[in-house]
Amino acid sequence: MQKNETFVLDAVLTDVISHTTFNAVLPNGHEIVAFPQRKDRERACALLKKGSRVQVEMSPFDMSKGTFVFNESLEASGES
């Protein structure tokens, strides 16, 4: 396997742990902890809240956590 092998999944935020840490649930019911990337922390604080729909990038080696994927359509709509 390649070192930077990841996949992107849809998720819904279920709880805000801190301003940059969130509980999320995948469509199959699997619960994870999701974080924004360092460069996106300020945007995450402004855009994300409980119930937001997001895309999460995850590693096949650790299925318990992931990072948010921000794109232009997410920011333009004003909701996640």
Protein backbone atom coordinates (compact mmCIF):
# COMPACT_ATOMS: atom_id res chain seq x y z
CA MET A 1 0.00 0.00 0.00
CA GLN A 2 1.08 3.53 -0.66
CA LYS A 3 1.95 5.77 2.24
CA ASN A 4 -0.72 8.41 1.47
CA GLU A 5 -3.61 6.08 0.61
CA THR A 6 -6.89 7.57 1.85
CA PHE A 7 -10.57 7.56 0.98
CA VAL A 8 -13.34 10.15 1.35
CA LEU A 9 -16.72 9.38 2.94
CA ASP A 10 -19.85 11.40 3.74
CA ALA A 11 -20.65 11.96 7.41
CA VAL A 12 -23.02 13.89 9.68
CA LEU A 13 -21.71 15.73 12.74
CA THR A 14 -23.45 14.47 15.86
CA ASP A 15 -21.66 16.37 18.60
CA VAL A 16 -19.14 19.16 19.10
CA ILE A 17 -16.39 18.07 21.50
CA SER A 18 -14.41 21.31 21.24
CA HIS A 19 -14.29 24.07 18.65
CA THR A 20 -12.03 21.91 16.43
CA THR A 21 -13.04 18.37 17.40
CA PHE A 22 -16.31 16.73 16.40
CA ASN A 23 -18.09 13.39 16.74
CA ALA A 24 -19.49 12.22 13.41
CA VAL A 25 -21.43 9.25 12.12
CA LEU A 26 -20.97 7.63 8.71
CA PRO A 27 -23.96 6.42 6.63
CA ASN A 28 -23.30 2.83 7.78
CA GLY A 29 -23.62 3.89 11.46
CA HIS A 30 -19.90 3.84 12.28
CA GLU A 31 -18.98 6.65 14.71
CA ILE A 32 -15.71 8.55 14.33
CA VAL A 33 -13.89 11.60 15.69
CA ALA A 34 -13.31 14.23 13.00
CA PHE A 35 -10.83 17.10 12.93
CA PRO A 36 -10.18 19.94 10.49
CA GLN A 37 -6.74 20.22 8.92
CA ARG A 38 -4.51 22.85 10.52
CA LYS A 39 -4.96 25.30 7.66
CA ASP A 40 -8.78 25.01 7.87
CA ARG A 41 -9.31 25.39 11.63
CA GLU A 42 -10.73 28.91 11.44
CA ARG A 43 -13.15 27.95 8.66
CA ALA A 44 -14.24 24.90 10.64
CA CYS A 45 -15.12 27.02 13.66
CA ALA A 46 -17.27 29.28 11.49
CA LEU A 47 -18.96 26.72 9.23
CA LEU A 48 -19.41 23.51 11.19
CA LYS A 49 -22.03 22.75 13.81
CA LYS A 50 -24.08 19.82 15.07
CA GLY A 51 -26.07 18.27 12.22
CA SER A 52 -23.77 19.53 9.44
CA ARG A 53 -23.14 17.17 6.53
CA VAL A 54 -19.46 16.90 5.67
CA GLN A 55 -16.97 14.81 3.75
CA VAL A 56 -14.29 13.12 5.83
CA GLU A 57 -10.95 11.83 4.56
CA MET A 58 -9.86 8.66 6.36
CA SER A 59 -6.94 6.28 6.34
CA PRO A 60 -7.59 2.56 5.94
CA PHE A 61 -5.24 1.99 8.87
CA ASP A 62 -7.25 3.96 11.47
CA MET A 63 -11.01 3.89 11.01
CA SER A 64 -11.73 5.77 14.25
CA LYS A 65 -10.79 9.27 13.08
CA GLY A 66 -10.70 11.46 10.00
CA THR A 67 -10.13 14.96 8.71
CA PHE A 68 -12.62 17.27 6.99
CA VAL A 69 -12.42 17.87 3.26
CA PHE A 70 -13.26 21.51 2.45
CA ASN A 71 -14.13 22.52 -1.08
CA GLU A 72 -15.57 25.59 -2.79
CA SER A 73 -19.14 24.26 -2.99
CA LEU A 74 -19.18 23.66 0.79
CA GLU A 75 -18.09 27.24 1.50
CA ALA A 76 -20.35 28.82 -1.13
CA SER A 77 -23.48 27.15 0.18
CA GLY A 78 -22.80 28.35 3.71
CA GLU A 79 -23.72 24.98 5.12
CA SER A 80 -21.80 21.78 5.53
